[in-house]
Amino acid sequence: MANVKNKHPKNVPGPFYCTDPDDDGGEGCIACNVCYSGAPEFFAEDDCGNAYLKKQPTTPDEIALCVEQMDACPVNSIGKNG
């Protein structure tokens, strides 16, 4: 599960977030591109390729898409705390 204490600094405020790659618990982003290629309207990559949330989902379909990316993340670096 993504560590809410290690959120990427570029995440927009809201319930969904990506973790910083420097998560000591091993659940930090590894720049695999699954989320920002699967849902580019919500996820973006920083200069190192690490993911962050650029827009929070609001509709049921958008939320489902973000949950899909969360489930597909190979290192569980996408979280939802709301």
PDB file of N, CA and C in Angstrom:
ATOM      1  N   MET A   1       0.835  -1.191   0.000  1.00  0.00           N
ATOM      2  CA  MET A   1       0.000   0.000   0.000  1.00  0.00           C
ATOM      3  C   MET A   1       0.875   1.249   0.000  1.00  0.00           C
ATOM      4  N   ALA A   2       0.494   2.233  -0.771  1.00  0.00           N
ATOM      5  CA  ALA A   2       1.257   3.474  -0.876  1.00  0.00           C
ATOM      6  C   ALA A   2       1.338   4.186   0.474  1.00  0.00           C
ATOM      7  N   ASN A   3       2.496   4.718   0.762  1.00  0.00           N
ATOM      8  CA  ASN A   3       2.735   5.388   2.034  1.00  0.00           C
ATOM      9  C   ASN A   3       2.315   6.855   1.934  1.00  0.00           C
ATOM     10  N   VAL A   4       1.248   7.195   2.618  1.00  0.00           N
ATOM     11  CA  VAL A   4       0.704   8.556   2.571  1.00  0.00           C
ATOM     12  C   VAL A   4       1.705   9.595   3.085  1.00  0.00           C
ATOM     13  N   LYS A   5       2.684   9.165   3.864  1.00  0.00           N
ATOM     14  CA  LYS A   5       3.688  10.093   4.396  1.00  0.00           C
ATOM     15  C   LYS A   5       4.783  10.407   3.379  1.00  0.00           C
ATOM     16  N   ASN A   6       4.796   9.705   2.256  1.00  0.00           N
ATOM     17  CA  ASN A   6       5.833   9.917   1.238  1.00  0.00           C
ATOM     18  C   ASN A   6       5.238  10.333  -0.101  1.00  0.00           C
ATOM     19  N   LYS A   7       4.283  11.240  -0.071  1.00  0.00           N
ATOM     20  CA  LYS A   7       3.660  11.704  -1.303  1.00  0.00           C
ATOM     21  C   LYS A   7       4.647  12.490  -2.162  1.00  0.00           C
ATOM     22  N   HIS A   8       4.520  12.320  -3.459  1.00  0.00           N
ATOM     23  CA  HIS A   8       5.327  13.105  -4.400  1.00  0.00           C
ATOM     24  C   HIS A   8       4.951  14.578  -4.208  1.00  0.00           C
ATOM     25  N   PRO A   9       5.913  15.476  -4.172  1.00  0.00           N
ATOM     26  CA  PRO A   9       5.603  16.889  -3.912  1.00  0.00           C
ATOM     27  C   PRO A   9       4.763  17.573  -4.990  1.00  0.00           C
ATOM     28  N   LYS A  10       4.687  17.007  -6.181  1.00  0.00           N
ATOM     29  CA  LYS A  10       3.914  17.636  -7.251  1.00  0.00           C
ATOM     30  C   LYS A  10       2.450  17.185  -7.289  1.00  0.00           C
ATOM     31  N   ASN A  11       2.051  16.247  -6.439  1.00  0.00           N
ATOM     32  CA  ASN A  11       0.651  15.829  -6.429  1.00  0.00           C
ATOM     33  C   ASN A  11      -0.269  17.016  -6.157  1.00  0.00           C
ATOM     34  N   VAL A  12      -1.392  17.088  -6.883  1.00  0.00           N
ATOM     35  CA  VAL A  12      -2.409  18.075  -6.546  1.00  0.00           C
ATOM     36  C   VAL A  12      -3.152  17.578  -5.315  1.00  0.00           C
ATOM     37  N   PRO A  13      -3.700  18.480  -4.507  1.00  0.00           N
ATOM     38  CA  PRO A  13      -4.436  18.050  -3.314  1.00  0.00           C
ATOM     39  C   PRO A  13      -5.648  17.196  -3.673  1.00  0.00           C
ATOM     40  N   GLY A  14      -5.930  16.236  -2.834  1.00  0.00           N
ATOM     41  CA  GLY A  14      -7.079  15.363  -3.036  1.00  0.00           C
ATOM     42  C   GLY A  14      -6.792  13.953  -2.571  1.00  0.00           C
ATOM     43  N   PRO A  15      -7.745  13.076  -2.739  1.00  0.00           N
ATOM     44  CA  PRO A  15      -7.613  11.725  -2.194  1.00  0.00           C
ATOM     45  C   PRO A  15      -6.594  10.827  -2.903  1.00  0.00           C
ATOM     46  N   PHE A  16      -6.432  10.956  -4.209  1.00  0.00           N
ATOM     47  CA  PHE A  16      -5.468  10.116  -4.919  1.00  0.00           C
ATOM     48  C   PHE A  16      -4.097  10.783  -4.887  1.00  0.00           C
ATOM     49  N   TYR A  17      -3.048   9.956  -4.841  1.00  0.00           N
ATOM     50  CA  TYR A  17      -1.686  10.468  -4.817  1.00  0.00           C
ATOM     51  C   TYR A  17      -0.719   9.389  -5.295  1.00  0.00           C
ATOM     52  N   CYS A  18       0.456   9.818  -5.675  1.00  0.00           N
ATOM     53  CA  CYS A  18       1.570   8.922  -5.988  1.00  0.00           C
ATOM     54  C   CYS A  18       2.654   9.179  -4.955  1.00  0.00           C
ATOM     55  N   THR A  19       3.422   8.153  -4.666  1.00  0.00           N
ATOM     56  CA  THR A  19       4.487   8.327  -3.689  1.00  0.00           C
ATOM     57  C   THR A  19       5.773   8.762  -4.366  1.00  0.00           C
ATOM     58  N   ASP A  20       6.608   9.397  -3.578  1.00  0.00           N
ATOM     59  CA  ASP A  20       7.921   9.836  -4.006  1.00  0.00           C
ATOM     60  C   ASP A  20       8.787   8.598  -4.268  1.00  0.00           C
ATOM     61  N   PRO A  21       9.691   8.653  -5.225  1.00  0.00           N
ATOM     62  CA  PRO A  21      10.527   7.484  -5.506  1.00  0.00           C
ATOM     63  C   PRO A  21      11.467   7.104  -4.370  1.00  0.00           C
ATOM     64  N   ASP A  22      11.708   8.002  -3.444  1.00  0.00           N
ATOM     65  CA  ASP A  22      12.636   7.733  -2.340  1.00  0.00           C
ATOM     66  C   ASP A  22      11.952   7.125  -1.124  1.00  0.00           C
ATOM     67  N   ASP A  23      10.867   6.395  -1.302  1.00  0.00           N
ATOM     68  CA  ASP A  23      10.159   5.755  -0.199  1.00  0.00           C
ATOM     69  C   ASP A  23      10.994   4.591   0.335  1.00  0.00           C
ATOM     70  N   ASP A  24      11.428   4.689   1.585  1.00  0.00           N
ATOM     71  CA  ASP A  24      12.251   3.639   2.190  1.00  0.00           C
ATOM     72  C   ASP A  24      11.508   2.316   2.320  1.00  0.00           C
ATOM     73  N   GLY A  25      10.170   2.360   2.284  1.00  0.00           N
ATOM     74  CA  GLY A  25       9.378   1.138   2.403  1.00  0.00           C
ATOM     75  C   GLY A  25       9.308   0.349   1.107  1.00  0.00           C
ATOM     76  N   GLY A  26       9.951   0.839   0.044  1.00  0.00           N
ATOM     77  CA  GLY A  26       9.975   0.118  -1.213  1.00  0.00           C
ATOM     78  C   GLY A  26       8.738   0.283  -2.064  1.00  0.00           C
ATOM     79  N   GLU A  27       7.874   1.232  -1.725  1.00  0.00           N
ATOM     80  CA  GLU A  27       6.661   1.430  -2.496  1.00  0.00           C
ATOM     81  C   GLU A  27       6.668   2.769  -3.225  1.00  0.00           C
ATOM     82  N   GLY A  28       7.842   3.276  -3.504  1.00  0.00           N
ATOM     83  CA  GLY A  28       7.961   4.508  -4.248  1.00  0.00           C
ATOM     84  C   GLY A  28       7.875   4.248  -5.740  1.00  0.00           C
ATOM     85  N   CYS A  29       7.519   5.280  -6.472  1.00  0.00           N
ATOM     86  CA  CYS A  29       7.385   5.173  -7.922  1.00  0.00           C
ATOM     87  C   CYS A  29       8.701   4.718  -8.548  1.00  0.00           C
ATOM     88  N   ILE A  30       8.610   3.806  -9.522  1.00  0.00           N
ATOM     89  CA  ILE A  30       9.791   3.321 -10.234  1.00  0.00           C
ATOM     90  C   ILE A  30       9.802   3.800 -11.688  1.00  0.00           C
ATOM     91  N   ALA A  31       8.954   4.755 -12.019  1.00  0.00           N
ATOM     92  CA  ALA A  31       8.888   5.341 -13.364  1.00  0.00           C
ATOM     93  C   ALA A  31       8.572   4.309 -14.431  1.00  0.00           C
ATOM     94  N   CYS A  32       7.636   3.423 -14.144  1.00  0.00           N
ATOM     95  CA  CYS A  32       7.289   2.359 -15.094  1.00  0.00           C
ATOM     96  C   CYS A  32       6.377   2.855 -16.208  1.00  0.00           C
ATOM     97  N   ASN A  33       5.729   3.980 -16.038  1.00  0.00           N
ATOM     98  CA  ASN A  33       4.841   4.673 -16.980  1.00  0.00           C
ATOM     99  C   ASN A  33       3.461   4.054 -17.147  1.00  0.00           C
ATOM    100  N   VAL A  34       3.096   3.094 -16.320  1.00  0.00           N
ATOM    101  CA  VAL A  34       1.774   2.466 -16.425  1.00  0.00           C
ATOM    102  C   VAL A  34       0.662   3.493 -16.233  1.00  0.00           C
ATOM    103  N   CYS A  35       0.738   4.287 -15.186  1.00  0.00           N
ATOM    104  CA  CYS A  35      -0.373   5.197 -14.873  1.00  0.00           C
ATOM    105  C   CYS A  35      -0.454   6.385 -15.818  1.00  0.00           C
ATOM    106  N   TYR A  36       0.670   7.023 -16.109  1.00  0.00           N
ATOM    107  CA  TYR A  36       0.573   8.205 -16.963  1.00  0.00           C
ATOM    108  C   TYR A  36       0.397   7.861 -18.431  1.00  0.00           C
ATOM    109  N   SER A  37       0.639   6.624 -18.819  1.00  0.00           N
ATOM    110  CA  SER A  37       0.275   6.234 -20.180  1.00  0.00           C
ATOM    111  C   SER A  37      -1.165   5.722 -20.228  1.00  0.00           C
ATOM    112  N   GLY A  38      -1.657   5.156 -19.123  1.00  0.00           N
ATOM    113  CA  GLY A  38      -3.027   4.645 -19.071  1.00  0.00           C
ATOM    114  C   GLY A  38      -4.074   5.698 -18.768  1.00  0.00           C
ATOM    115  N   ALA A  39      -3.699   6.747 -18.074  1.00  0.00           N
ATOM    116  CA  ALA A  39      -4.639   7.813 -17.711  1.00  0.00           C
ATOM    117  C   ALA A  39      -3.905   9.155 -17.716  1.00  0.00           C
ATOM    118  N   PRO A  40      -3.464   9.601 -18.893  1.00  0.00           N
ATOM    119  CA  PRO A  40      -2.646  10.819 -18.963  1.00  0.00           C
ATOM    120  C   PRO A  40      -3.367  12.095 -18.562  1.00  0.00           C
ATOM    121  N   GLU A  41      -4.680  12.083 -18.508  1.00  0.00           N
ATOM    122  CA  GLU A  41      -5.383  13.282 -18.064  1.00  0.00           C
ATOM    123  C   GLU A  41      -5.296  13.471 -16.547  1.00  0.00           C
ATOM    124  N   PHE A  42      -4.881  12.420 -15.819  1.00  0.00           N
ATOM    125  CA  PHE A  42      -4.790  12.506 -14.358  1.00  0.00           C
ATOM    126  C   PHE A  42      -3.366  12.360 -13.836  1.00  0.00           C
ATOM    127  N   PHE A  43      -2.564  11.540 -14.496  1.00  0.00           N
ATOM    128  CA  PHE A  43      -1.202  11.274 -14.047  1.00  0.00           C
ATOM    129  C   PHE A  43      -0.208  11.919 -14.998  1.00  0.00           C
ATOM    130  N   ALA A  44       0.882  12.420 -14.430  1.00  0.00           N
ATOM    131  CA  ALA A  44       1.953  13.011 -15.222  1.00  0.00           C
ATOM    132  C   ALA A  44       3.274  12.468 -14.698  1.00  0.00           C
ATOM    133  N   GLU A  45       4.347  12.772 -15.434  1.00  0.00           N
ATOM    134  CA  GLU A  45       5.675  12.361 -14.993  1.00  0.00           C
ATOM    135  C   GLU A  45       6.548  13.582 -14.752  1.00  0.00           C
ATOM    136  N   ASP A  46       7.388  13.481 -13.731  1.00  0.00           N
ATOM    137  CA  ASP A  46       8.321  14.573 -13.463  1.00  0.00           C
ATOM    138  C   ASP A  46       9.539  14.419 -14.366  1.00  0.00           C
ATOM    139  N   ASP A  47      10.566  15.222 -14.152  1.00  0.00           N
ATOM    140  CA  ASP A  47      11.752  15.195 -15.005  1.00  0.00           C
ATOM    141  C   ASP A  47      12.503  13.866 -14.964  1.00  0.00           C
ATOM    142  N   CYS A  48      12.276  13.083 -13.924  1.00  0.00           N
ATOM    143  CA  CYS A  48      12.931  11.776 -13.791  1.00  0.00           C
ATOM    144  C   CYS A  48      12.026  10.625 -14.227  1.00  0.00           C
ATOM    145  N   GLY A  49      10.816  10.932 -14.662  1.00  0.00           N
ATOM    146  CA  GLY A  49       9.880   9.899 -15.094  1.00  0.00           C
ATOM    147  C   GLY A  49       8.972   9.371 -14.002  1.00  0.00           C
ATOM    148  N   ASN A  50       9.084   9.912 -12.807  1.00  0.00           N
ATOM    149  CA  ASN A  50       8.257   9.463 -11.690  1.00  0.00           C
ATOM    150  C   ASN A  50       6.879  10.110 -11.743  1.00  0.00           C
ATOM    151  N   ALA A  51       5.877   9.339 -11.403  1.00  0.00           N
ATOM    152  CA  ALA A  51       4.489   9.770 -11.534  1.00  0.00           C
ATOM    153  C   ALA A  51       4.016  10.642 -10.381  1.00  0.00           C
ATOM    154  N   TYR A  52       3.052  11.505 -10.724  1.00  0.00           N
ATOM    155  CA  TYR A  52       2.334  12.285  -9.729  1.00  0.00           C
ATOM    156  C   TYR A  52       0.948  12.582 -10.285  1.00  0.00           C
ATOM    157  N   LEU A  53       0.023  12.974  -9.400  1.00  0.00           N
ATOM    158  CA  LEU A  53      -1.336  13.307  -9.807  1.00  0.00           C
ATOM    159  C   LEU A  53      -1.393  14.762 -10.208  1.00  0.00           C
ATOM    160  N   LYS A  54      -1.762  15.019 -11.464  1.00  0.00           N
ATOM    161  CA  LYS A  54      -1.875  16.404 -11.917  1.00  0.00           C
ATOM    162  C   LYS A  54      -3.309  16.886 -11.865  1.00  0.00           C
ATOM    163  N   LYS A  55      -4.254  15.958 -11.760  1.00  0.00           N
ATOM    164  CA  LYS A  55      -5.676  16.304 -11.672  1.00  0.00           C
ATOM    165  C   LYS A  55      -6.385  15.184 -10.913  1.00  0.00           C
ATOM    166  N   GLN A  56      -7.236  15.569  -9.988  1.00  0.00           N
ATOM    167  CA  GLN A  56      -8.016  14.576  -9.241  1.00  0.00           C
ATOM    168  C   GLN A  56      -9.269  14.188 -10.038  1.00  0.00           C
ATOM    169  N   PRO A  57      -9.643  12.915 -10.004  1.00  0.00           N
ATOM    170  CA  PRO A  57     -10.876  12.504 -10.682  1.00  0.00           C
ATOM    171  C   PRO A  57     -12.096  12.995  -9.912  1.00  0.00           C
ATOM    172  N   THR A  58     -13.178  13.247 -10.652  1.00  0.00           N
ATOM    173  CA  THR A  58     -14.401  13.728  -9.988  1.00  0.00           C
ATOM    174  C   THR A  58     -15.630  12.895 -10.311  1.00  0.00           C
ATOM    175  N   THR A  59     -15.690  12.312 -11.487  1.00  0.00           N
ATOM    176  CA  THR A  59     -16.864  11.531 -11.861  1.00  0.00           C
ATOM    177  C   THR A  59     -16.629  10.064 -11.525  1.00  0.00           C
ATOM    178  N   PRO A  60     -17.679   9.276 -11.439  1.00  0.00           N
ATOM    179  CA  PRO A  60     -17.497   7.837 -11.181  1.00  0.00           C
ATOM    180  C   PRO A  60     -16.596   7.156 -12.220  1.00  0.00           C
ATOM    181  N   ASP A  61     -16.726   7.524 -13.488  1.00  0.00           N
ATOM    182  CA  ASP A  61     -15.876   6.924 -14.522  1.00  0.00           C
ATOM    183  C   ASP A  61     -14.411   7.322 -14.353  1.00  0.00           C
ATOM    184  N   GLU A  62     -14.176   8.586 -13.998  1.00  0.00           N
ATOM    185  CA  GLU A  62     -12.810   9.043 -13.771  1.00  0.00           C
ATOM    186  C   GLU A  62     -12.196   8.354 -12.554  1.00  0.00           C
ATOM    187  N   ILE A  63     -12.966   8.223 -11.511  1.00  0.00           N
ATOM    188  CA  ILE A  63     -12.486   7.538 -10.303  1.00  0.00           C
ATOM    189  C   ILE A  63     -12.158   6.088 -10.627  1.00  0.00           C
ATOM    190  N   ALA A  64     -13.022   5.422 -11.394  1.00  0.00           N
ATOM    191  CA  ALA A  64     -12.774   4.030 -11.777  1.00  0.00           C
ATOM    192  C   ALA A  64     -11.478   3.909 -12.580  1.00  0.00           C
ATOM    193  N   LEU A  65     -11.218   4.864 -13.458  1.00  0.00           N
ATOM    194  CA  LEU A  65      -9.991   4.852 -14.245  1.00  0.00           C
ATOM    195  C   LEU A  65      -8.764   4.997 -13.350  1.00  0.00           C
ATOM    196  N   CYS A  66      -8.833   5.870 -12.359  1.00  0.00           N
ATOM    197  CA  CYS A  66      -7.703   6.050 -11.438  1.00  0.00           C
ATOM    198  C   CYS A  66      -7.517   4.833 -10.542  1.00  0.00           C
ATOM    199  N   VAL A  67      -8.596   4.212 -10.140  1.00  0.00           N
ATOM    200  CA  VAL A  67      -8.504   2.976  -9.345  1.00  0.00           C
ATOM    201  C   VAL A  67      -7.866   1.870 -10.197  1.00  0.00           C
ATOM    202  N   GLU A  68      -8.219   1.839 -11.472  1.00  0.00           N
ATOM    203  CA  GLU A  68      -7.617   0.862 -12.390  1.00  0.00           C
ATOM    204  C   GLU A  68      -6.099   1.046 -12.447  1.00  0.00           C
ATOM    205  N   GLN A  69      -5.644   2.292 -12.512  1.00  0.00           N
ATOM    206  CA  GLN A  69      -4.207   2.565 -12.532  1.00  0.00           C
ATOM    207  C   GLN A  69      -3.574   2.185 -11.196  1.00  0.00           C
ATOM    208  N   MET A  70      -4.267   2.444 -10.106  1.00  0.00           N
ATOM    209  CA  MET A  70      -3.778   2.084  -8.785  1.00  0.00           C
ATOM    210  C   MET A  70      -3.585   0.571  -8.688  1.00  0.00           C
ATOM    211  N   ASP A  71      -4.550  -0.182  -9.196  1.00  0.00           N
ATOM    212  CA  ASP A  71      -4.464  -1.647  -9.167  1.00  0.00           C
ATOM    213  C   ASP A  71      -3.358  -2.178 -10.087  1.00  0.00           C
ATOM    214  N   ALA A  72      -3.080  -1.453 -11.171  1.00  0.00           N
ATOM    215  CA  ALA A  72      -2.066  -1.892 -12.133  1.00  0.00           C
ATOM    216  C   ALA A  72      -0.644  -1.525 -11.727  1.00  0.00           C
ATOM    217  N   CYS A  73      -0.492  -0.628 -10.787  1.00  0.00           N
ATOM    218  CA  CYS A  73       0.839  -0.173 -10.374  1.00  0.00           C
ATOM    219  C   CYS A  73       1.643  -1.358  -9.812  1.00  0.00           C
ATOM    220  N   PRO A  74       2.797  -1.647 -10.397  1.00  0.00           N
ATOM    221  CA  PRO A  74       3.566  -2.830  -9.952  1.00  0.00           C
ATOM    222  C   PRO A  74       4.204  -2.701  -8.571  1.00  0.00           C
ATOM    223  N   VAL A  75       4.321  -1.489  -8.057  1.00  0.00           N
ATOM    224  CA  VAL A  75       4.947  -1.315  -6.741  1.00  0.00           C
ATOM    225  C   VAL A  75       4.035  -0.646  -5.722  1.00  0.00           C
ATOM    226  N   ASN A  76       2.754  -0.560  -6.057  1.00  0.00           N
ATOM    227  CA  ASN A  76       1.764   0.038  -5.132  1.00  0.00           C
ATOM    228  C   ASN A  76       2.106   1.458  -4.720  1.00  0.00           C
ATOM    229  N   SER A  77       2.561   2.262  -5.677  1.00  0.00           N
ATOM    230  CA  SER A  77       2.933   3.637  -5.324  1.00  0.00           C
ATOM    231  C   SER A  77       1.797   4.634  -5.536  1.00  0.00           C
ATOM    232  N   ILE A  78       0.627   4.150  -5.918  1.00  0.00           N
ATOM    233  CA  ILE A  78      -0.550   5.020  -6.041  1.00  0.00           C
ATOM    234  C   ILE A  78      -1.480   4.714  -4.881  1.00  0.00           C
ATOM    235  N   GLY A  79      -1.895   5.758  -4.198  1.00  0.00           N
ATOM    236  CA  GLY A  79      -2.766   5.579  -3.042  1.00  0.00           C
ATOM    237  C   GLY A  79      -4.010   6.436  -3.128  1.00  0.00           C
ATOM    238  N   LYS A  80      -4.933   6.116  -2.265  1.00  0.00           N
ATOM    239  CA  LYS A  80      -6.171   6.883  -2.139  1.00  0.00           C
ATOM    240  C   LYS A  80      -6.493   6.958  -0.655  1.00  0.00           C
ATOM    241  N   ASN A  81      -6.546   8.154  -0.135  1.00  0.00           N
ATOM    242  CA  ASN A  81      -6.778   8.304   1.310  1.00  0.00           C
ATOM    243  C   ASN A  81      -7.996   9.171   1.601  1.00  0.00           C
ATOM    244  N   GLY A  82      -9.029   9.052   0.790  1.00  0.00           N
ATOM    245  CA  GLY A  82     -10.186   9.887   1.031  1.00  0.00           C
ATOM    246  C   GLY A  82     -11.470   9.286   0.553  1.00  0.00           C
TER     247      GLY A  82
END
